[in-house]
Amino acid sequence: MRFSILFIFMISALIADTKLLIAPDGTTVAINRDEYGVPHIQADNEAAMFFGQGFAEANDRLFQIDLNRRAATGRLSEWFGDYALDVDKETLKLGYTDEELDIMLANTLPEVQVAVQAYADGINAYVDTMNLHPELYMPEQYQDIDFVPYTVRDVCAFSVYMLRMFGMFGGDELTRLNELQNNGWDWFNENRPVNDPACSTTIPDTGQATVQTWHYSGMTVPEEVVLELEARQEYVEQFRKDNGIIYKLGSFAALVSPGFSTSGNVMLLGCPQMGSPSYDVASRTMEVELECPTYHVGGKTVAGVPFVTLGHNEHIAWTWTSGVSDNVDTYIDSTQSMNYSDGYWHDGAWLDFEMLVDTIVTPLGEEIFTHYRTVHGPVVGAYMPLKQVYSQKMTFWLDDFEMADYIYNINKAASIAEYDEAISTAPMSFNAFAIDQDQNIAFWHGGRFQDRSDGVHPYLPHKGDGSEEWGGFIPFEDMPHALNPDQGFFTNWNNKPASWWNNGDIGPWISGSGICNGVDNITNFVTSFSSMTLEDVKGIPEAINDHGTYQGAYELTGTEI
């Protein structure tokens, strides 16, 4: 079976190498590699297919899988020593316990649970093969270290890590508060507007934001505390960049409708930006095609997790960009004394902190790391002279891995309507774009967001005493979304989805900021055409002098094979 789709990189026609595996259920899995080395995996059922995906990706990216897993589970210090201690502490502080990861996996679709287990089994099967024949299959990194078996918890932990990297935004209220303290309300209102209508949007002409009155409790925070938190975040980010770990950039996309297409076919360009490519660092993404009687999809994946995150099947093609909408709020909780042992004040009572104790292993020994949570979430910092602790509340807490159901369902979606149903429950902040064989183009600004009925200024911290608790979440049907726009295209570069949609506390959609109007570069190129060919769409990265870590361009012809 071949896709009736035009695309850039997924080329199945020329098979250069074939390997046959026996899956745990006894069926045969074929891994056919084309002339570019892309694995095309064929199996009799989904479990065997995902087993093959794990095996093939370990064959290509075992060290990268291990690095990703260690970044996600707070185990980088085992390799990098004290240099990575603060990085591991940040991961452990914001992350989940093993028991919580198990609960999240158990709450996913049965098919997803099967896929996750099979994928991990495939990775470990490759490692078994590697250990039997190290002269053929062992990467040079494993001459001196052992690969610890990959587990379903590792799949979940890395999924959470990656989804948060690109779908978690906000939590910068202490930085905004420090700006307010240093500059005053007049400066703050002018330079940090909750909604700036001057920014370019993906959905055009959608009206202005509803006027709302915001309030703030008047709490203050020492500047040195804010600067220390910022320095720690910058250190973690630089460590990731320096050591081949996925780090946050942007992503861009363009969709063309039949009326703006020279061929009369819908087209889509997806360019996720997950770290800049370089000659001496492996790409953070790879390509794969997965096929069995109930599943056929091709496109981008990230080594360490199953499925295809950007790509196409016979019916639809899709891409994502980071949504950059605020789904994390900082709370200032008050302690009873200058330590954690006497608790914090909430709803008229002193509550005990939830205490978590982790052991961080380094080449020179072990360090015990104790961290805390309040009813609002993980404690990210403290200033005990003022009896303050700072915790972060997330709209998606303990639900991150629901995104696995979403990805599984879009991999199998047969229409825009089915994609819409899948994204309606996705909790993280992403822009989603899809085209289908019925010649539709669609855009959704997805995720779960506080409805701000608490009235607290979105850029400033909440008071943790119980007086400023959240209201509800914005219903999915009230989120920005559009189908087949009159202008004939969608463009996006992590920019504002609609004029009425408010900024997050990181202030991304403010005039003069990096991503407020960056999408204009794409839009100006697109609108320089009276109609576009697939080659024109593929030319967008060069025209804007930027690129994706992966670039996929698709044209759907309206027929399915």
Foldseek 3Di string as FASTA:
>chain_A
DDFPKDKDPPDDPAFDDWDWDQAPVRWIKIFTAGPVRATEIETADLLRLLLQVLQSLCQVAVVVLVVLLCLLQLFCQAPVNPLCNLSSQVNVLAHDDLVLLVVQLVPEDPSLVSSLQSSLNSNVVNLVVCVVCVVPRPDPVPVPPHDDRDDSSSQSSSLLVVLCQQFAAFPLQLVLLVVCVVPNDVCSCVFQPQFDLVFDAQDPDPDAADDAFFDAPPDHDDPVQSVVLVVSVVSSQVVCLVPQHWHDDWWKKKWFFLQQAPVSFIKIKTFAAGHDDDDPHDQQKGWHWTDHPQFTWIDIDGNNYDFHAFGDGNWKGKYKIRQQAHFKAKEKWAAPALDQQQATAAPHDGDHWDKDWDWHAHPVGIDIDIFTADPQARFSAADSVRRITMGMHGQCVSNQCLVSNLRVQVSRDRDPVSNLVSQQPHATFMWMWMATLVRKTKIFGGHKHFPCPLRHDQQHHHYRHHSRDTDGTDHRVPGDMDMCDPVRMGIATSEHHYSNDTHGNVSQQGPPHDRRHLRVQQVVQSVVDSHDYQVSSVCSCVSSVHGHSDMMMMTRDSDGD
